[in-house]
PDB file of N, CA and C in Angstrom:
ATOM      1  N   MET A   1     163.935  84.530 157.910  1.00  0.00           N
ATOM      2  CA  MET A   1     163.469  84.067 159.198  1.00  0.00           C
ATOM      3  C   MET A   1     162.003  84.413 159.384  1.00  0.00           C
ATOM      4  N   VAL A   2     161.632  85.593 158.948  1.00  0.00           N
ATOM      5  CA  VAL A   2     160.244  86.030 159.123  1.00  0.00           C
ATOM      6  C   VAL A   2     159.296  85.118 158.364  1.00  0.00           C
ATOM      7  N   TYR A   3     159.608  84.851 157.109  1.00  0.00           N
ATOM      8  CA  TYR A   3     158.690  84.050 156.306  1.00  0.00           C
ATOM      9  C   TYR A   3     158.724  82.584 156.727  1.00  0.00           C
ATOM     10  N   GLY A   4     159.834  82.110 157.217  1.00  0.00           N
ATOM     11  CA  GLY A   4     159.887  80.757 157.764  1.00  0.00           C
ATOM     12  C   GLY A   4     159.006  80.627 158.989  1.00  0.00           C
ATOM     13  N   ARG A   5     159.048  81.640 159.834  1.00  0.00           N
ATOM     14  CA  ARG A   5     158.198  81.630 161.023  1.00  0.00           C
ATOM     15  C   ARG A   5     156.721  81.743 160.649  1.00  0.00           C
ATOM     16  N   LEU A   6     156.422  82.602 159.676  1.00  0.00           N
ATOM     17  CA  LEU A   6     155.035  82.721 159.212  1.00  0.00           C
ATOM     18  C   LEU A   6     154.525  81.389 158.672  1.00  0.00           C
ATOM     19  N   SER A   7     155.383  80.700 157.956  1.00  0.00           N
ATOM     20  CA  SER A   7     154.990  79.407 157.406  1.00  0.00           C
ATOM     21  C   SER A   7     154.810  78.368 158.505  1.00  0.00           C
ATOM     22  N   ALA A   8     155.717  78.343 159.476  1.00  0.00           N
ATOM     23  CA  ALA A   8     155.637  77.369 160.563  1.00  0.00           C
ATOM     24  C   ALA A   8     154.386  77.565 161.405  1.00  0.00           C
ATOM     25  N   ASP A   9     153.949  78.794 161.569  1.00  0.00           N
ATOM     26  CA  ASP A   9     152.760  79.081 162.371  1.00  0.00           C
ATOM     27  C   ASP A   9     151.478  79.102 161.532  1.00  0.00           C
ATOM     28  N   ASN A  10     151.568  78.659 160.284  1.00  0.00           N
ATOM     29  CA  ASN A  10     150.431  78.629 159.350  1.00  0.00           C
ATOM     30  C   ASN A  10     149.827  80.005 159.109  1.00  0.00           C
ATOM     31  N   GLU A  11     150.630  81.045 159.307  1.00  0.00           N
ATOM     32  CA  GLU A  11     150.152  82.401 159.040  1.00  0.00           C
ATOM     33  C   GLU A  11     150.025  82.635 157.539  1.00  0.00           C
ATOM     34  N   LEU A  12     150.920  82.045 156.758  1.00  0.00           N
ATOM     35  CA  LEU A  12     150.822  82.191 155.304  1.00  0.00           C
ATOM     36  C   LEU A  12     149.548  81.529 154.778  1.00  0.00           C
ATOM     37  N   THR A  13     149.174  80.400 155.372  1.00  0.00           N
ATOM     38  CA  THR A  13     147.922  79.751 154.983  1.00  0.00           C
ATOM     39  C   THR A  13     146.741  80.653 155.303  1.00  0.00           C
ATOM     40  N   ALA A  14     146.788  81.306 156.451  1.00  0.00           N
ATOM     41  CA  ALA A  14     145.718  82.227 156.833  1.00  0.00           C
ATOM     42  C   ALA A  14     145.666  83.424 155.884  1.00  0.00           C
ATOM     43  N   CYS A  15     146.833  83.921 155.465  1.00  0.00           N
ATOM     44  CA  CYS A  15     146.866  85.036 154.510  1.00  0.00           C
ATOM     45  C   CYS A  15     146.261  84.619 153.179  1.00  0.00           C
ATOM     46  N   ARG A  16     146.619  83.431 152.713  1.00  0.00           N
ATOM     47  CA  ARG A  16     146.058  82.940 151.451  1.00  0.00           C
ATOM     48  C   ARG A  16     144.552  82.753 151.579  1.00  0.00           C
ATOM     49  N   ALA A  17     144.078  82.235 152.720  1.00  0.00           N
ATOM     50  CA  ALA A  17     142.644  82.051 152.923  1.00  0.00           C
ATOM     51  C   ALA A  17     141.929  83.404 152.994  1.00  0.00           C
ATOM     52  N   GLY A  18     142.640  84.435 153.441  1.00  0.00           N
ATOM     53  CA  GLY A  18     142.071  85.773 153.514  1.00  0.00           C
ATOM     54  C   GLY A  18     142.114  86.520 152.195  1.00  0.00           C
ATOM     55  N   GLY A  19     142.713  85.923 151.176  1.00  0.00           N
ATOM     56  CA  GLY A  19     142.706  86.534 149.860  1.00  0.00           C
ATOM     57  C   GLY A  19     143.989  87.256 149.487  1.00  0.00           C
ATOM     58  N   LEU A  20     145.016  87.159 150.306  1.00  0.00           N
ATOM     59  CA  LEU A  20     146.290  87.812 149.985  1.00  0.00           C
ATOM     60  C   LEU A  20     147.152  86.866 149.155  1.00  0.00           C
ATOM     61  N   SER A  21     147.768  87.400 148.122  1.00  0.00           N
ATOM     62  CA  SER A  21     148.661  86.581 147.304  1.00  0.00           C
ATOM     63  C   SER A  21     150.045  86.523 147.952  1.00  0.00           C
ATOM     64  N   HIS A  22     150.842  85.596 147.439  1.00  0.00           N
ATOM     65  CA  HIS A  22     152.212  85.480 147.943  1.00  0.00           C
ATOM     66  C   HIS A  22     153.008  86.757 147.643  1.00  0.00           C
ATOM     67  N   LEU A  23     152.751  87.354 146.505  1.00  0.00           N
ATOM     68  CA  LEU A  23     153.454  88.591 146.151  1.00  0.00           C
ATOM     69  C   LEU A  23     153.093  89.729 147.098  1.00  0.00           C
ATOM     70  N   THR A  24     151.831  89.800 147.498  1.00  0.00           N
ATOM     71  CA  THR A  24     151.406  90.848 148.431  1.00  0.00           C
ATOM     72  C   THR A  24     152.092  90.676 149.779  1.00  0.00           C
ATOM     73  N   VAL A  25     152.240  89.442 150.223  1.00  0.00           N
ATOM     74  CA  VAL A  25     152.885  89.175 151.506  1.00  0.00           C
ATOM     75  C   VAL A  25     154.387  89.456 151.421  1.00  0.00           C
ATOM     76  N   ALA A  26     154.998  89.166 150.270  1.00  0.00           N
ATOM     77  CA  ALA A  26     156.441  89.335 150.104  1.00  0.00           C
ATOM     78  C   ALA A  26     156.838  90.748 149.692  1.00  0.00           C
ATOM     79  N   PHE A  27     155.885  91.591 149.329  1.00  0.00           N
ATOM     80  CA  PHE A  27     156.179  92.934 148.839  1.00  0.00           C
ATOM     81  C   PHE A  27     157.053  93.759 149.795  1.00  0.00           C
ATOM     82  N   PRO A  28     156.799  93.766 151.115  1.00  0.00           N
ATOM     83  CA  PRO A  28     157.681  94.543 152.004  1.00  0.00           C
ATOM     84  C   PRO A  28     159.153  94.106 151.940  1.00  0.00           C
ATOM     85  N   SER A  29     159.389  92.817 151.738  1.00  0.00           N
ATOM     86  CA  SER A  29     160.772  92.343 151.609  1.00  0.00           C
ATOM     87  C   SER A  29     161.422  92.851 150.334  1.00  0.00           C
ATOM     88  N   PHE A  30     160.659  92.896 149.256  1.00  0.00           N
ATOM     89  CA  PHE A  30     161.183  93.429 148.004  1.00  0.00           C
ATOM     90  C   PHE A  30     161.546  94.903 148.143  1.00  0.00           C
ATOM     91  N   VAL A  31     160.670  95.654 148.792  1.00  0.00           N
ATOM     92  CA  VAL A  31     160.921  97.089 148.982  1.00  0.00           C
ATOM     93  C   VAL A  31     162.156  97.292 149.858  1.00  0.00           C
ATOM     94  N   LEU A  32     162.253  96.536 150.950  1.00  0.00           N
ATOM     95  CA  LEU A  32     163.424  96.648 151.826  1.00  0.00           C
ATOM     96  C   LEU A  32     164.697  96.251 151.090  1.00  0.00           C
ATOM     97  N   GLY A  33     164.642  95.209 150.277  1.00  0.00           N
ATOM     98  CA  GLY A  33     165.806  94.781 149.504  1.00  0.00           C
ATOM     99  C   GLY A  33     166.276  95.843 148.527  1.00  0.00           C
ATOM    100  N   ILE A  34     165.338  96.479 147.850  1.00  0.00           N
ATOM    101  CA  ILE A  34     165.699  97.549 146.904  1.00  0.00           C
ATOM    102  C   ILE A  34     166.289  98.735 147.650  1.00  0.00           C
ATOM    103  N   PHE A  35     165.693  99.096 148.794  1.00  0.00           N
ATOM    104  CA  PHE A  35     166.210 100.208 149.603  1.00  0.00           C
ATOM    105  C   PHE A  35     167.637  99.933 150.082  1.00  0.00           C
ATOM    106  N   VAL A  36     167.884  98.734 150.578  1.00  0.00           N
ATOM    107  CA  VAL A  36     169.230  98.383 151.065  1.00  0.00           C
ATOM    108  C   VAL A  36     170.223  98.355 149.909  1.00  0.00           C
ATOM    109  N   ALA A  37     169.808  97.867 148.749  1.00  0.00           N
ATOM    110  CA  ALA A  37     170.705  97.843 147.590  1.00  0.00           C
ATOM    111  C   ALA A  37     171.081  99.255 147.155  1.00  0.00           C
ATOM    112  N   ILE A  38     170.099 100.157 147.107  1.00  0.00           N
ATOM    113  CA  ILE A  38     170.385 101.543 146.716  1.00  0.00           C
ATOM    114  C   ILE A  38     171.276 102.218 147.754  1.00  0.00           C
ATOM    115  N   LEU A  39     170.984 102.004 149.031  1.00  0.00           N
ATOM    116  CA  LEU A  39     171.802 102.586 150.092  1.00  0.00           C
ATOM    117  C   LEU A  39     173.240 102.065 150.030  1.00  0.00           C
ATOM    118  N   SER A  40     173.411 100.784 149.779  1.00  0.00           N
ATOM    119  CA  SER A  40     174.754 100.203 149.648  1.00  0.00           C
ATOM    120  C   SER A  40     175.492 100.795 148.452  1.00  0.00           C
ATOM    121  N   LEU A  41     174.781 100.982 147.363  1.00  0.00           N
ATOM    122  CA  LEU A  41     175.390 101.568 146.174  1.00  0.00           C
ATOM    123  C   LEU A  41     175.838 103.002 146.437  1.00  0.00           C
ATOM    124  N   VAL A  42     175.011 103.769 147.142  1.00  0.00           N
ATOM    125  CA  VAL A  42     175.369 105.145 147.480  1.00  0.00           C
ATOM    126  C   VAL A  42     176.613 105.172 148.360  1.00  0.00           C
ATOM    127  N   PHE A  43     176.646 104.309 149.376  1.00  0.00           N
ATOM    128  CA  PHE A  43     177.821 104.265 150.252  1.00  0.00           C
ATOM    129  C   PHE A  43     179.066 103.845 149.480  1.00  0.00           C
ATOM    130  N   LEU A  44     178.927 102.856 148.597  1.00  0.00           N
ATOM    131  CA  LEU A  44     180.076 102.367 147.851  1.00  0.00           C
ATOM    132  C   LEU A  44     180.608 103.410 146.882  1.00  0.00           C
ATOM    133  N   CYS A  45     179.703 104.081 146.178  1.00  0.00           N
ATOM    134  CA  CYS A  45     180.130 105.001 145.111  1.00  0.00           C
ATOM    135  C   CYS A  45     180.493 106.391 145.607  1.00  0.00           C
ATOM    136  N   PHE A  46     179.815 106.877 146.630  1.00  0.00           N
ATOM    137  CA  PHE A  46     180.008 108.268 147.027  1.00  0.00           C
ATOM    138  C   PHE A  46     180.682 108.423 148.385  1.00  0.00           C
ATOM    139  N   ILE A  47     180.194 107.754 149.395  1.00  0.00           N
ATOM    140  CA  ILE A  47     180.745 107.926 150.744  1.00  0.00           C
ATOM    141  C   ILE A  47     182.148 107.346 150.817  1.00  0.00           C
ATOM    142  N   ARG A  48     182.319 106.089 150.387  1.00  0.00           N
ATOM    143  CA  ARG A  48     183.622 105.444 150.446  1.00  0.00           C
ATOM    144  C   ARG A  48     184.624 106.158 149.547  1.00  0.00           C
ATOM    145  N   ALA A  49     184.174 106.612 148.384  1.00  0.00           N
ATOM    146  CA  ALA A  49     185.062 107.319 147.464  1.00  0.00           C
ATOM    147  C   ALA A  49     185.544 108.623 148.095  1.00  0.00           C
ATOM    148  N   GLY A  50     184.678 109.322 148.797  1.00  0.00           N
ATOM    149  CA  GLY A  50     185.067 110.567 149.463  1.00  0.00           C
ATOM    150  C   GLY A  50     186.055 110.329 150.582  1.00  0.00           C
ATOM    151  N   VAL A  51     185.857 109.264 151.343  1.00  0.00           N
ATOM    152  CA  VAL A  51     186.789 108.944 152.427  1.00  0.00           C
ATOM    153  C   VAL A  51     188.135 108.548 151.849  1.00  0.00           C
ATOM    154  N   HIS A  52     188.114 107.790 150.773  1.00  0.00           N
ATOM    155  CA  HIS A  52     189.362 107.362 150.146  1.00  0.00           C
ATOM    156  C   HIS A  52     190.139 108.572 149.626  1.00  0.00           C
ATOM    157  N   ASP A  53     189.458 109.532 149.056  1.00  0.00           N
ATOM    158  CA  ASP A  53     190.125 110.722 148.538  1.00  0.00           C
ATOM    159  C   ASP A  53     190.723 111.579 149.641  1.00  0.00           C
ATOM    160  N   GLU A  54     190.147 111.512 150.845  1.00  0.00           N
ATOM    161  CA  GLU A  54     190.621 112.349 151.948  1.00  0.00           C
ATOM    162  C   GLU A  54     191.693 111.673 152.794  1.00  0.00           C
ATOM    163  N   GLY A  55     192.254 110.595 152.299  1.00  0.00           N
ATOM    164  CA  GLY A  55     193.361 109.975 153.014  1.00  0.00           C
ATOM    165  C   GLY A  55     192.980 108.747 153.808  1.00  0.00           C
ATOM    166  N   GLY A  56     191.857 108.171 153.558  1.00  0.00           N
ATOM    167  CA  GLY A  56     191.445 106.971 154.275  1.00  0.00           C
ATOM    168  C   GLY A  56     192.408 105.817 154.053  1.00  0.00           C
ATOM    169  N   ALA A  57     192.922 105.695 152.850  1.00  0.00           N
ATOM    170  CA  ALA A  57     193.874 104.621 152.548  1.00  0.00           C
ATOM    171  C   ALA A  57     195.186 104.844 153.286  1.00  0.00           C
ATOM    172  N   ASP A  58     195.594 106.109 153.443  1.00  0.00           N
ATOM    173  CA  ASP A  58     196.822 106.403 154.180  1.00  0.00           C
ATOM    174  C   ASP A  58     196.673 106.015 155.644  1.00  0.00           C
ATOM    175  N   THR A  59     195.501 106.241 156.208  1.00  0.00           N
ATOM    176  CA  THR A  59     195.266 105.887 157.604  1.00  0.00           C
ATOM    177  C   THR A  59     195.385 104.389 157.796  1.00  0.00           C
ATOM    178  N   VAL A  60     194.764 103.611 156.917  1.00  0.00           N
ATOM    179  CA  VAL A  60     194.848 102.154 157.002  1.00  0.00           C
ATOM    180  C   VAL A  60     196.278 101.700 156.821  1.00  0.00           C
ATOM    181  N   SER A  61     196.993 102.305 155.886  1.00  0.00           N
ATOM    182  CA  SER A  61     198.383 101.952 155.648  1.00  0.00           C
ATOM    183  C   SER A  61     199.242 102.259 156.872  1.00  0.00           C
ATOM    184  N   ASN A  62     199.014 103.417 157.502  1.00  0.00           N
ATOM    185  CA  ASN A  62     199.782 103.775 158.688  1.00  0.00           C
ATOM    186  C   ASN A  62     199.492 102.841 159.851  1.00  0.00           C
ATOM    187  N   ILE A  63     198.253 102.437 160.019  1.00  0.00           N
ATOM    188  CA  ILE A  63     197.905 101.497 161.087  1.00  0.00           C
ATOM    189  C   ILE A  63     198.582 100.159 160.833  1.00  0.00           C
ATOM    190  N   ALA A  64     198.588  99.709 159.580  1.00  0.00           N
ATOM    191  CA  ALA A  64     199.232  98.446 159.237  1.00  0.00           C
ATOM    192  C   ALA A  64     200.730  98.511 159.520  1.00  0.00           C
ATOM    193  N   LYS A  65     201.369  99.631 159.190  1.00  0.00           N
ATOM    194  CA  LYS A  65     202.798  99.788 159.462  1.00  0.00           C
ATOM    195  C   LYS A  65     203.072  99.806 160.958  1.00  0.00           C
ATOM    196  N   LEU A  66     202.211 100.465 161.726  1.00  0.00           N
ATOM    197  CA  LEU A  66     202.361 100.514 163.178  1.00  0.00           C
ATOM    198  C   LEU A  66     202.276  99.118 163.781  1.00  0.00           C
ATOM    199  N   ILE A  67     201.301  98.340 163.332  1.00  0.00           N
ATOM    200  CA  ILE A  67     201.145  96.977 163.845  1.00  0.00           C
ATOM    201  C   ILE A  67     202.327  96.117 163.443  1.00  0.00           C
ATOM    202  N   ALA A  68     202.783  96.244 162.199  1.00  0.00           N
ATOM    203  CA  ALA A  68     203.921  95.442 161.737  1.00  0.00           C
ATOM    204  C   ALA A  68     205.182  95.778 162.515  1.00  0.00           C
ATOM    205  N   SER A  69     205.424  97.050 162.785  1.00  0.00           N
ATOM    206  CA  SER A  69     206.624  97.409 163.538  1.00  0.00           C
ATOM    207  C   SER A  69     206.532  96.921 164.977  1.00  0.00           C
ATOM    208  N   ARG A  70     205.351  96.940 165.545  1.00  0.00           N
ATOM    209  CA  ARG A  70     205.194  96.446 166.919  1.00  0.00           C
ATOM    210  C   ARG A  70     205.421  94.937 166.985  1.00  0.00           C
ATOM    211  N   ILE A  71     204.946  94.207 165.969  1.00  0.00           N
ATOM    212  CA  ILE A  71     205.173  92.760 165.927  1.00  0.00           C
ATOM    213  C   ILE A  71     206.659  92.473 165.799  1.00  0.00           C
ATOM    214  N   GLN A  72     207.373  93.218 164.950  1.00  0.00           N
ATOM    215  CA  GLN A  72     208.804  92.993 164.788  1.00  0.00           C
ATOM    216  C   GLN A  72     209.560  93.329 166.071  1.00  0.00           C
ATOM    217  N   ARG A  73     209.138  94.358 166.776  1.00  0.00           N
ATOM    218  CA  ARG A  73     209.829  94.801 167.987  1.00  0.00           C
ATOM    219  C   ARG A  73     209.567  93.860 169.166  1.00  0.00           C
ATOM    220  N   GLU A  74     208.296  93.458 169.356  1.00  0.00           N
ATOM    221  CA  GLU A  74     207.940  92.687 170.547  1.00  0.00           C
ATOM    222  C   GLU A  74     207.745  91.201 170.266  1.00  0.00           C
ATOM    223  N   HIS A  75     207.682  90.805 169.000  1.00  0.00           N
ATOM    224  CA  HIS A  75     207.490  89.413 168.589  1.00  0.00           C
ATOM    225  C   HIS A  75     206.225  88.806 169.187  1.00  0.00           C
ATOM    226  N   LYS A  76     205.163  89.596 169.293  1.00  0.00           N
ATOM    227  CA  LYS A  76     203.890  89.069 169.766  1.00  0.00           C
ATOM    228  C   LYS A  76     202.772  90.004 169.308  1.00  0.00           C
ATOM    229  N   ILE A  77     201.565  89.462 169.346  1.00  0.00           N
ATOM    230  CA  ILE A  77     200.371  90.231 169.001  1.00  0.00           C
ATOM    231  C   ILE A  77     199.429  90.168 170.191  1.00  0.00           C
ATOM    232  N   GLU A  78     198.912  91.313 170.621  1.00  0.00           N
ATOM    233  CA  GLU A  78     197.946  91.342 171.706  1.00  0.00           C
ATOM    234  C   GLU A  78     196.614  91.864 171.185  1.00  0.00           C
ATOM    235  N   PHE A  79     195.562  91.179 171.556  1.00  0.00           N
ATOM    236  CA  PHE A  79     194.219  91.615 171.212  1.00  0.00           C
ATOM    237  C   PHE A  79     193.522  92.053 172.474  1.00  0.00           C
ATOM    238  N   GLY A  80     192.772  93.124 172.418  1.00  0.00           N
ATOM    239  CA  GLY A  80     192.034  93.597 173.586  1.00  0.00           C
ATOM    240  C   GLY A  80     192.787  94.704 174.274  1.00  0.00           C
ATOM    241  N   THR A  81     192.301  95.063 175.473  1.00  0.00           N
ATOM    242  CA  THR A  81     192.851  96.192 176.207  1.00  0.00           C
ATOM    243  C   THR A  81     193.961  95.797 177.157  1.00  0.00           C
ATOM    244  N   GLY A  82     194.146  94.506 177.365  1.00  0.00           N
ATOM    245  CA  GLY A  82     195.192  94.079 178.279  1.00  0.00           C
ATOM    246  C   GLY A  82     194.693  93.855 179.695  1.00  0.00           C
ATOM    247  N   GLU A  83     193.423  94.121 179.952  1.00  0.00           N
ATOM    248  CA  GLU A  83     192.854  93.888 181.280  1.00  0.00           C
ATOM    249  C   GLU A  83     192.485  92.424 181.409  1.00  0.00           C
ATOM    250  N   HIS A  84     192.861  91.843 182.529  1.00  0.00           N
ATOM    251  CA  HIS A  84     192.532  90.421 182.776  1.00  0.00           C
ATOM    252  C   HIS A  84     191.536  90.348 183.908  1.00  0.00           C
ATOM    253  N   HIS A  85     190.468  89.580 183.689  1.00  0.00           N
ATOM    254  CA  HIS A  85     189.430  89.444 184.712  1.00  0.00           C
ATOM    255  C   HIS A  85     189.506  88.096 185.349  1.00  0.00           C
TER     256      HIS A  85
END
């Protein structure tokens, strides 16, 4: 969205006229992309693995069983808090 807006407002043309290359303008996006990729990898490999080892899967399984038993008992699914405005 940022680069589309820069292009629509001819800001990229102004950057090129000022001597900036396309790579120089795009460099912050590359850095942010690498940072987000590394952060995602850390969460996937270490944070999620730690939660899974501490019973995270059991919690999800118990919630699923609770919902399934409620559906069998009441034959309906409710979303939200039940307050009607």
